[in-house]
PDB file of N, CA and C in Angstrom:
ATOM      1  N   MET A   1       5.903   0.890  -5.634  1.00  0.00           N
ATOM      2  CA  MET A   1       6.341   2.193  -5.156  1.00  0.00           C
ATOM      3  C   MET A   1       7.598   1.934  -4.433  1.00  0.00           C
ATOM      4  N   THR A   2       8.578   2.773  -4.580  1.00  0.00           N
ATOM      5  CA  THR A   2       9.847   2.638  -3.865  1.00  0.00           C
ATOM      6  C   THR A   2       9.730   3.249  -2.460  1.00  0.00           C
ATOM      7  N   ASP A   3      10.653   2.776  -1.518  1.00  0.00           N
ATOM      8  CA  ASP A   3      10.654   3.303  -0.097  1.00  0.00           C
ATOM      9  C   ASP A   3      10.872   4.823  -0.161  1.00  0.00           C
ATOM     10  N   GLU A   4      11.694   5.318  -1.085  1.00  0.00           N
ATOM     11  CA  GLU A   4      12.063   6.722  -1.146  1.00  0.00           C
ATOM     12  C   GLU A   4      10.790   7.577  -1.514  1.00  0.00           C
ATOM     13  N   TRP A   5       9.962   7.091  -2.413  1.00  0.00           N
ATOM     14  CA  TRP A   5       8.751   7.860  -2.780  1.00  0.00           C
ATOM     15  C   TRP A   5       7.712   7.710  -1.614  1.00  0.00           C
ATOM     16  N   MET A   6       7.632   6.569  -0.905  1.00  0.00           N
ATOM     17  CA  MET A   6       6.778   6.445   0.212  1.00  0.00           C
ATOM     18  C   MET A   6       7.148   7.439   1.286  1.00  0.00           C
ATOM     19  N   GLN A   7       8.416   7.586   1.551  1.00  0.00           N
ATOM     20  CA  GLN A   7       8.956   8.566   2.514  1.00  0.00           C
ATOM     21  C   GLN A   7       8.564  10.022   2.066  1.00  0.00           C
ATOM     22  N   LEU A   8       8.719  10.297   0.739  1.00  0.00           N
ATOM     23  CA  LEU A   8       8.273  11.655   0.290  1.00  0.00           C
ATOM     24  C   LEU A   8       6.855  11.837   0.530  1.00  0.00           C
ATOM     25  N   ILE A   9       6.027  10.991   0.405  1.00  0.00           N
ATOM     26  CA  ILE A   9       4.613  11.095   0.590  1.00  0.00           C
ATOM     27  C   ILE A   9       4.284  11.328   2.109  1.00  0.00           C
ATOM     28  N   ILE A  10       4.981  10.634   2.876  1.00  0.00           N
ATOM     29  CA  ILE A  10       4.870  10.867   4.405  1.00  0.00           C
ATOM     30  C   ILE A  10       5.344  12.278   4.746  1.00  0.00           C
ATOM     31  N   GLU A  11       6.421  12.752   4.149  1.00  0.00           N
ATOM     32  CA  GLU A  11       6.896  14.110   4.449  1.00  0.00           C
ATOM     33  C   GLU A  11       5.829  15.065   3.885  1.00  0.00           C
ATOM     34  N   PHE A  12       5.255  14.861   2.714  1.00  0.00           N
ATOM     35  CA  PHE A  12       4.184  15.665   2.090  1.00  0.00           C
ATOM     36  C   PHE A  12       3.017  15.853   3.049  1.00  0.00           C
ATOM     37  N   THR A  13       2.542  14.779   3.608  1.00  0.00           N
ATOM     38  CA  THR A  13       1.369  14.844   4.482  1.00  0.00           C
ATOM     39  C   THR A  13       1.680  15.545   5.736  1.00  0.00           C
ATOM     40  N   LYS A  14       2.961  15.330   6.312  1.00  0.00           N
ATOM     41  CA  LYS A  14       3.379  15.885   7.489  1.00  0.00           C
ATOM     42  C   LYS A  14       3.487  17.410   7.350  1.00  0.00           C
ATOM     43  N   SER A  15       3.810  17.829   6.117  1.00  0.00           N
ATOM     44  CA  SER A  15       4.086  19.352   5.944  1.00  0.00           C
ATOM     45  C   SER A  15       2.877  20.042   5.555  1.00  0.00           C
ATOM     46  N   ASP A  16       1.683  19.605   5.845  1.00  0.00           N
ATOM     47  CA  ASP A  16       0.315  20.133   5.471  1.00  0.00           C
ATOM     48  C   ASP A  16       0.292  20.262   3.948  1.00  0.00           C
ATOM     49  N   TYR A  17       0.711  19.245   3.228  1.00  0.00           N
ATOM     50  CA  TYR A  17       0.530  19.204   1.745  1.00  0.00           C
ATOM     51  C   TYR A  17       1.261  20.333   0.960  1.00  0.00           C
ATOM     52  N   LEU A  18       2.347  20.723   1.644  1.00  0.00           N
ATOM     53  CA  LEU A  18       3.235  21.761   0.920  1.00  0.00           C
ATOM     54  C   LEU A  18       4.387  20.936   0.209  1.00  0.00           C
ATOM     55  N   THR A  19       4.818  21.442  -0.901  1.00  0.00           N
ATOM     56  CA  THR A  19       5.962  20.691  -1.610  1.00  0.00           C
ATOM     57  C   THR A  19       7.222  21.445  -1.665  1.00  0.00           C
ATOM     58  N   LYS A  20       7.192  22.768  -1.172  1.00  0.00           N
ATOM     59  CA  LYS A  20       8.354  23.615  -1.397  1.00  0.00           C
ATOM     60  C   LYS A  20       9.706  22.992  -0.793  1.00  0.00           C
ATOM     61  N   ASN A  21       9.637  22.120   0.198  1.00  0.00           N
ATOM     62  CA  ASN A  21      10.877  21.559   0.772  1.00  0.00           C
ATOM     63  C   ASN A  21      11.075  20.119   0.387  1.00  0.00           C
ATOM     64  N   LEU A  22      10.284  19.671  -0.547  1.00  0.00           N
ATOM     65  CA  LEU A  22      10.451  18.233  -0.946  1.00  0.00           C
ATOM     66  C   LEU A  22      11.497  18.094  -2.044  1.00  0.00           C
ATOM     67  N   VAL A  23      12.276  17.063  -1.990  1.00  0.00           N
ATOM     68  CA  VAL A  23      13.265  16.775  -3.008  1.00  0.00           C
ATOM     69  C   VAL A  23      13.005  15.461  -3.664  1.00  0.00           C
ATOM     70  N   CYS A  24      13.063  15.374  -4.922  1.00  0.00           N
ATOM     71  CA  CYS A  24      12.801  14.066  -5.678  1.00  0.00           C
ATOM     72  C   CYS A  24      13.714  13.067  -5.261  1.00  0.00           C
ATOM     73  N   PRO A  25      13.278  11.864  -4.967  1.00  0.00           N
ATOM     74  CA  PRO A  25      14.141  10.788  -4.563  1.00  0.00           C
ATOM     75  C   PRO A  25      15.013  10.310  -5.733  1.00  0.00           C
ATOM     76  N   ASP A  26      14.591  10.585  -6.947  1.00  0.00           N
ATOM     77  CA  ASP A  26      15.308  10.036  -8.165  1.00  0.00           C
ATOM     78  C   ASP A  26      16.452  10.997  -8.660  1.00  0.00           C
ATOM     79  N   CYS A  27      16.028  12.231  -8.936  1.00  0.00           N
ATOM     80  CA  CYS A  27      17.016  13.200  -9.511  1.00  0.00           C
ATOM     81  C   CYS A  27      17.546  14.263  -8.466  1.00  0.00           C
ATOM     82  N   ARG A  28      16.854  14.292  -7.366  1.00  0.00           N
ATOM     83  CA  ARG A  28      17.321  15.209  -6.279  1.00  0.00           C
ATOM     84  C   ARG A  28      16.972  16.646  -6.472  1.00  0.00           C
ATOM     85  N   GLU A  29      16.148  16.872  -7.440  1.00  0.00           N
ATOM     86  CA  GLU A  29      15.630  18.320  -7.657  1.00  0.00           C
ATOM     87  C   GLU A  29      14.497  18.593  -6.765  1.00  0.00           C
ATOM     88  N   ASN A  30      14.383  20.002  -6.494  1.00  0.00           N
ATOM     89  CA  ASN A  30      13.326  20.438  -5.662  1.00  0.00           C
ATOM     90  C   ASN A  30      12.199  21.069  -6.510  1.00  0.00           C
ATOM     91  N   ASP A  31      11.512  20.154  -7.186  1.00  0.00           N
ATOM     92  CA  ASP A  31      10.404  20.498  -8.126  1.00  0.00           C
ATOM     93  C   ASP A  31       9.341  19.500  -8.156  1.00  0.00           C
ATOM     94  N   ILE A  32       8.767  19.302  -6.954  1.00  0.00           N
ATOM     95  CA  ILE A  32       7.709  18.272  -6.802  1.00  0.00           C
ATOM     96  C   ILE A  32       6.318  18.937  -6.925  1.00  0.00           C
ATOM     97  N   GLU A  33       5.407  18.353  -7.589  1.00  0.00           N
ATOM     98  CA  GLU A  33       4.092  18.720  -7.917  1.00  0.00           C
ATOM     99  C   GLU A  33       3.154  17.632  -7.431  1.00  0.00           C
ATOM    100  N   TYR A  34       1.928  18.080  -7.227  1.00  0.00           N
ATOM    101  CA  TYR A  34       0.939  17.067  -6.874  1.00  0.00           C
ATOM    102  C   TYR A  34      -0.531  17.607  -7.365  1.00  0.00           C
ATOM    103  N   VAL A  35      -1.421  16.639  -7.431  1.00  0.00           N
ATOM    104  CA  VAL A  35      -2.868  16.928  -7.490  1.00  0.00           C
ATOM    105  C   VAL A  35      -3.634  15.784  -7.049  1.00  0.00           C
ATOM    106  N   TYR A  36      -4.727  16.066  -6.326  1.00  0.00           N
ATOM    107  CA  TYR A  36      -5.742  15.048  -6.030  1.00  0.00           C
ATOM    108  C   TYR A  36      -6.818  15.096  -6.989  1.00  0.00           C
ATOM    109  N   VAL A  37      -7.306  13.992  -7.510  1.00  0.00           N
ATOM    110  CA  VAL A  37      -8.440  13.838  -8.419  1.00  0.00           C
ATOM    111  C   VAL A  37      -9.518  13.063  -7.726  1.00  0.00           C
ATOM    112  N   GLY A  38     -10.828  13.521  -7.710  1.00  0.00           N
ATOM    113  CA  GLY A  38     -11.751  12.672  -6.955  1.00  0.00           C
ATOM    114  C   GLY A  38     -13.232  13.229  -7.196  1.00  0.00           C
ATOM    115  N   ASP A  39     -14.074  12.553  -6.481  1.00  0.00           N
ATOM    116  CA  ASP A  39     -15.549  12.770  -6.478  1.00  0.00           C
ATOM    117  C   ASP A  39     -15.793  13.970  -5.483  1.00  0.00           C
ATOM    118  N   LYS A  40     -16.467  14.975  -6.046  1.00  0.00           N
ATOM    119  CA  LYS A  40     -16.720  16.165  -5.136  1.00  0.00           C
ATOM    120  C   LYS A  40     -17.782  15.931  -4.045  1.00  0.00           C
ATOM    121  N   GLU A  41     -18.501  14.877  -4.169  1.00  0.00           N
ATOM    122  CA  GLU A  41     -19.550  14.640  -3.187  1.00  0.00           C
ATOM    123  C   GLU A  41     -18.906  13.784  -2.047  1.00  0.00           C
ATOM    124  N   THR A  42     -18.186  12.775  -2.383  1.00  0.00           N
ATOM    125  CA  THR A  42     -17.573  11.822  -1.341  1.00  0.00           C
ATOM    126  C   THR A  42     -16.162  12.207  -0.889  1.00  0.00           C
ATOM    127  N   ASN A  43     -15.573  13.093  -1.577  1.00  0.00           N
ATOM    128  CA  ASN A  43     -14.110  13.487  -1.448  1.00  0.00           C
ATOM    129  C   ASN A  43     -13.183  12.159  -1.372  1.00  0.00           C
ATOM    130  N   ILE A  44     -13.454  11.167  -2.222  1.00  0.00           N
ATOM    131  CA  ILE A  44     -12.647  10.036  -2.380  1.00  0.00           C
ATOM    132  C   ILE A  44     -12.062  10.111  -3.833  1.00  0.00           C
ATOM    133  N   GLY A  45     -10.744   9.708  -3.962  1.00  0.00           N
ATOM    134  CA  GLY A  45     -10.211   9.777  -5.304  1.00  0.00           C
ATOM    135  C   GLY A  45      -8.758   9.285  -5.273  1.00  0.00           C
ATOM    136  N   TYR A  46      -7.876   9.862  -5.994  1.00  0.00           N
ATOM    137  CA  TYR A  46      -6.502   9.465  -6.040  1.00  0.00           C
ATOM    138  C   TYR A  46      -5.657  10.646  -5.926  1.00  0.00           C
ATOM    139  N   LEU A  47      -4.332  10.321  -5.499  1.00  0.00           N
ATOM    140  CA  LEU A  47      -3.305  11.351  -5.436  1.00  0.00           C
ATOM    141  C   LEU A  47      -2.297  10.982  -6.505  1.00  0.00           C
ATOM    142  N   THR A  48      -1.872  11.996  -7.321  1.00  0.00           N
ATOM    143  CA  THR A  48      -0.675  11.864  -8.188  1.00  0.00           C
ATOM    144  C   THR A  48       0.276  12.848  -7.711  1.00  0.00           C
ATOM    145  N   ILE A  49       1.502  12.447  -7.512  1.00  0.00           N
ATOM    146  CA  ILE A  49       2.663  13.301  -7.129  1.00  0.00           C
ATOM    147  C   ILE A  49       3.835  12.983  -7.902  1.00  0.00           C
ATOM    148  N   TRP A  50       4.556  14.007  -8.409  1.00  0.00           N
ATOM    149  CA  TRP A  50       5.617  13.748  -9.398  1.00  0.00           C
ATOM    150  C   TRP A  50       6.670  14.849  -9.336  1.00  0.00           C
ATOM    151  N   CYS A  51       7.729  14.595 -10.036  1.00  0.00           N
ATOM    152  CA  CYS A  51       8.850  15.586 -10.139  1.00  0.00           C
ATOM    153  C   CYS A  51       8.737  16.162 -11.543  1.00  0.00           C
ATOM    154  N   ASN A  52       8.742  17.512 -11.614  1.00  0.00           N
ATOM    155  CA  ASN A  52       8.592  18.175 -12.933  1.00  0.00           C
ATOM    156  C   ASN A  52       9.866  18.044 -13.675  1.00  0.00           C
ATOM    157  N   GLN A  53      10.993  17.715 -13.081  1.00  0.00           N
ATOM    158  CA  GLN A  53      12.229  17.636 -13.760  1.00  0.00           C
ATOM    159  C   GLN A  53      12.514  16.310 -14.455  1.00  0.00           C
ATOM    160  N   CYS A  54      12.352  15.231 -13.692  1.00  0.00           N
ATOM    161  CA  CYS A  54      12.595  13.889 -14.253  1.00  0.00           C
ATOM    162  C   CYS A  54      11.277  13.169 -14.693  1.00  0.00           C
ATOM    163  N   ARG A  55      10.236  13.655 -14.354  1.00  0.00           N
ATOM    164  CA  ARG A  55       8.863  13.126 -14.641  1.00  0.00           C
ATOM    165  C   ARG A  55       8.641  11.764 -14.024  1.00  0.00           C
ATOM    166  N   ASN A  56       9.318  11.449 -12.923  1.00  0.00           N
ATOM    167  CA  ASN A  56       9.011  10.244 -12.096  1.00  0.00           C
ATOM    168  C   ASN A  56       7.973  10.694 -11.106  1.00  0.00           C
ATOM    169  N   GLY A  57       7.229   9.600 -10.588  1.00  0.00           N
ATOM    170  CA  GLY A  57       6.227   9.945  -9.645  1.00  0.00           C
ATOM    171  C   GLY A  57       5.448   8.704  -9.204  1.00  0.00           C
ATOM    172  N   VAL A  58       4.444   8.958  -8.376  1.00  0.00           N
ATOM    173  CA  VAL A  58       3.625   7.843  -7.899  1.00  0.00           C
ATOM    174  C   VAL A  58       2.149   8.309  -7.921  1.00  0.00           C
ATOM    175  N   GLN A  59       1.320   7.282  -7.992  1.00  0.00           N
ATOM    176  CA  GLN A  59      -0.118   7.510  -7.869  1.00  0.00           C
ATOM    177  C   GLN A  59      -0.689   6.574  -6.797  1.00  0.00           C
ATOM    178  N   ILE A  60      -1.481   7.110  -5.852  1.00  0.00           N
ATOM    179  CA  ILE A  60      -2.048   6.429  -4.866  1.00  0.00           C
ATOM    180  C   ILE A  60      -3.584   6.428  -4.985  1.00  0.00           C
ATOM    181  N   CYS A  61      -4.222   5.322  -5.133  1.00  0.00           N
ATOM    182  CA  CYS A  61      -5.692   5.294  -5.362  1.00  0.00           C
ATOM    183  C   CYS A  61      -6.453   5.095  -4.125  1.00  0.00           C
ATOM    184  N   ARG A  62      -7.706   5.505  -4.197  1.00  0.00           N
ATOM    185  CA  ARG A  62      -8.644   5.346  -3.102  1.00  0.00           C
ATOM    186  C   ARG A  62      -8.208   6.086  -1.864  1.00  0.00           C
ATOM    187  N   VAL A  63      -8.010   7.320  -2.000  1.00  0.00           N
ATOM    188  CA  VAL A  63      -7.601   8.119  -0.809  1.00  0.00           C
ATOM    189  C   VAL A  63      -8.729   9.095  -0.450  1.00  0.00           C
ATOM    190  N   SER A  64      -8.746   9.551   0.699  1.00  0.00           N
ATOM    191  CA  SER A  64      -9.654  10.540   1.177  1.00  0.00           C
ATOM    192  C   SER A  64      -9.048  11.906   0.874  1.00  0.00           C
ATOM    193  N   ILE A  65      -9.622  12.825   0.183  1.00  0.00           N
ATOM    194  CA  ILE A  65      -8.987  14.013  -0.209  1.00  0.00           C
ATOM    195  C   ILE A  65      -9.208  15.115   0.950  1.00  0.00           C
ATOM    196  N   PRO A  66      -8.119  15.528   1.450  1.00  0.00           N
ATOM    197  CA  PRO A  66      -8.101  16.538   2.565  1.00  0.00           C
ATOM    198  C   PRO A  66      -8.703  17.892   2.008  1.00  0.00           C
ATOM    199  N   GLU A  67      -9.195  18.640   3.005  1.00  0.00           N
ATOM    200  CA  GLU A  67      -9.684  20.039   2.715  1.00  0.00           C
ATOM    201  C   GLU A  67      -8.527  20.920   2.387  1.00  0.00           C
ATOM    202  N   GLY A  68      -8.767  21.838   1.417  1.00  0.00           N
ATOM    203  CA  GLY A  68      -7.699  22.825   1.112  1.00  0.00           C
ATOM    204  C   GLY A  68      -6.590  22.445   0.201  1.00  0.00           C
ATOM    205  N   VAL A  69      -6.609  21.191  -0.359  1.00  0.00           N
ATOM    206  CA  VAL A  69      -5.448  20.887  -1.221  1.00  0.00           C
ATOM    207  C   VAL A  69      -5.855  21.106  -2.605  1.00  0.00           C
ATOM    208  N   ARG A  70      -4.808  21.112  -3.450  1.00  0.00           N
ATOM    209  CA  ARG A  70      -5.016  21.184  -4.855  1.00  0.00           C
ATOM    210  C   ARG A  70      -5.741  20.011  -5.433  1.00  0.00           C
ATOM    211  N   ARG A  71      -6.880  20.202  -6.011  1.00  0.00           N
ATOM    212  CA  ARG A  71      -7.713  19.001  -6.545  1.00  0.00           C
ATOM    213  C   ARG A  71      -8.418  19.378  -7.850  1.00  0.00           C
ATOM    214  N   LEU A  72      -8.794  18.235  -8.489  1.00  0.00           N
ATOM    215  CA  LEU A  72      -9.636  18.257  -9.652  1.00  0.00           C
ATOM    216  C   LEU A  72     -10.806  17.315  -9.448  1.00  0.00           C
ATOM    217  N   ASP A  73     -11.901  17.570 -10.056  1.00  0.00           N
ATOM    218  CA  ASP A  73     -13.011  16.715 -10.009  1.00  0.00           C
ATOM    219  C   ASP A  73     -13.050  15.662 -11.058  1.00  0.00           C
ATOM    220  N   PHE A  74     -13.457  14.443 -10.788  1.00  0.00           N
ATOM    221  CA  PHE A  74     -13.551  13.496 -11.836  1.00  0.00           C
ATOM    222  C   PHE A  74     -14.219  13.955 -13.133  1.00  0.00           C
ATOM    223  N   ASP A  75     -15.259  14.774 -12.998  1.00  0.00           N
ATOM    224  CA  ASP A  75     -15.982  15.265 -14.259  1.00  0.00           C
ATOM    225  C   ASP A  75     -15.218  16.444 -14.969  1.00  0.00           C
ATOM    226  N   ASP A  76     -14.085  16.874 -14.541  1.00  0.00           N
ATOM    227  CA  ASP A  76     -13.273  17.805 -15.214  1.00  0.00           C
ATOM    228  C   ASP A  76     -12.201  17.241 -16.090  1.00  0.00           C
ATOM    229  N   LEU A  77     -12.667  16.524 -17.098  1.00  0.00           N
ATOM    230  CA  LEU A  77     -11.755  15.721 -17.897  1.00  0.00           C
ATOM    231  C   LEU A  77     -10.654  16.519 -18.635  1.00  0.00           C
ATOM    232  N   GLU A  78     -10.946  17.859 -19.033  1.00  0.00           N
ATOM    233  CA  GLU A  78     -10.006  18.582 -19.669  1.00  0.00           C
ATOM    234  C   GLU A  78      -8.822  18.967 -18.724  1.00  0.00           C
ATOM    235  N   SER A  79      -9.149  19.312 -17.547  1.00  0.00           N
ATOM    236  CA  SER A  79      -8.080  19.528 -16.579  1.00  0.00           C
ATOM    237  C   SER A  79      -7.271  18.347 -16.170  1.00  0.00           C
ATOM    238  N   ILE A  80      -7.983  17.166 -16.093  1.00  0.00           N
ATOM    239  CA  ILE A  80      -7.276  15.945 -15.799  1.00  0.00           C
ATOM    240  C   ILE A  80      -6.177  15.603 -16.872  1.00  0.00           C
ATOM    241  N   LYS A  81      -6.544  15.876 -18.117  1.00  0.00           N
ATOM    242  CA  LYS A  81      -5.677  15.664 -19.205  1.00  0.00           C
ATOM    243  C   LYS A  81      -4.349  16.454 -19.052  1.00  0.00           C
ATOM    244  N   MET A  82      -4.373  17.566 -18.312  1.00  0.00           N
ATOM    245  CA  MET A  82      -3.241  18.361 -18.127  1.00  0.00           C
ATOM    246  C   MET A  82      -2.146  17.791 -17.204  1.00  0.00           C
ATOM    247  N   ILE A  83      -2.514  16.787 -16.393  1.00  0.00           N
ATOM    248  CA  ILE A  83      -1.573  16.118 -15.607  1.00  0.00           C
ATOM    249  C   ILE A  83      -0.597  15.437 -16.371  1.00  0.00           C
ATOM    250  N   PRO A  84       0.753  15.730 -16.278  1.00  0.00           N
ATOM    251  CA  PRO A  84       1.742  15.170 -17.239  1.00  0.00           C
ATOM    252  C   PRO A  84       1.806  13.678 -17.173  1.00  0.00           C
ATOM    253  N   ALA A  85       2.278  13.085 -18.268  1.00  0.00           N
ATOM    254  CA  ALA A  85       2.614  11.635 -18.233  1.00  0.00           C
ATOM    255  C   ALA A  85       3.838  11.440 -17.389  1.00  0.00           C
ATOM    256  N   ILE A  86       3.748  10.535 -16.513  1.00  0.00           N
ATOM    257  CA  ILE A  86       4.840  10.366 -15.560  1.00  0.00           C
ATOM    258  C   ILE A  86       5.298   8.814 -15.628  1.00  0.00           C
ATOM    259  N   LYS A  87       6.560   8.556 -15.221  1.00  0.00           N
ATOM    260  CA  LYS A  87       6.962   7.224 -15.016  1.00  0.00           C
ATOM    261  C   LYS A  87       6.697   6.813 -13.607  1.00  0.00           C
ATOM    262  N   LEU A  88       5.752   5.817 -13.426  1.00  0.00           N
ATOM    263  CA  LEU A  88       5.405   5.467 -11.998  1.00  0.00           C
ATOM    264  C   LEU A  88       6.423   4.712 -11.445  1.00  0.00           C
ATOM    265  N   LYS A  89       6.733   4.966 -10.185  1.00  0.00           N
ATOM    266  CA  LYS A  89       7.832   4.300  -9.388  1.00  0.00           C
ATOM    267  C   LYS A  89       7.106   3.248  -8.418  1.00  0.00           C
TER     268      LYS A  89
END
């Protein structure tokens, strides 16, 4: 993971998980999307965050999923398949 993407994740968490002011570190577009995927009982899973324009992004495994964020459950395979293929940074 690049330092720029790490900084974006820090900004994402500081902004209460809002993406409206985030800018892609690679293409500089303001079109960042995210989703947490995890276990509904333990609230442990992973975070995928990406740019819809250039399809670059990162995935962080073994995270605690905060309340009120956009999330999918591990057993919702059809929805998980809707996460776009991204180039991991």
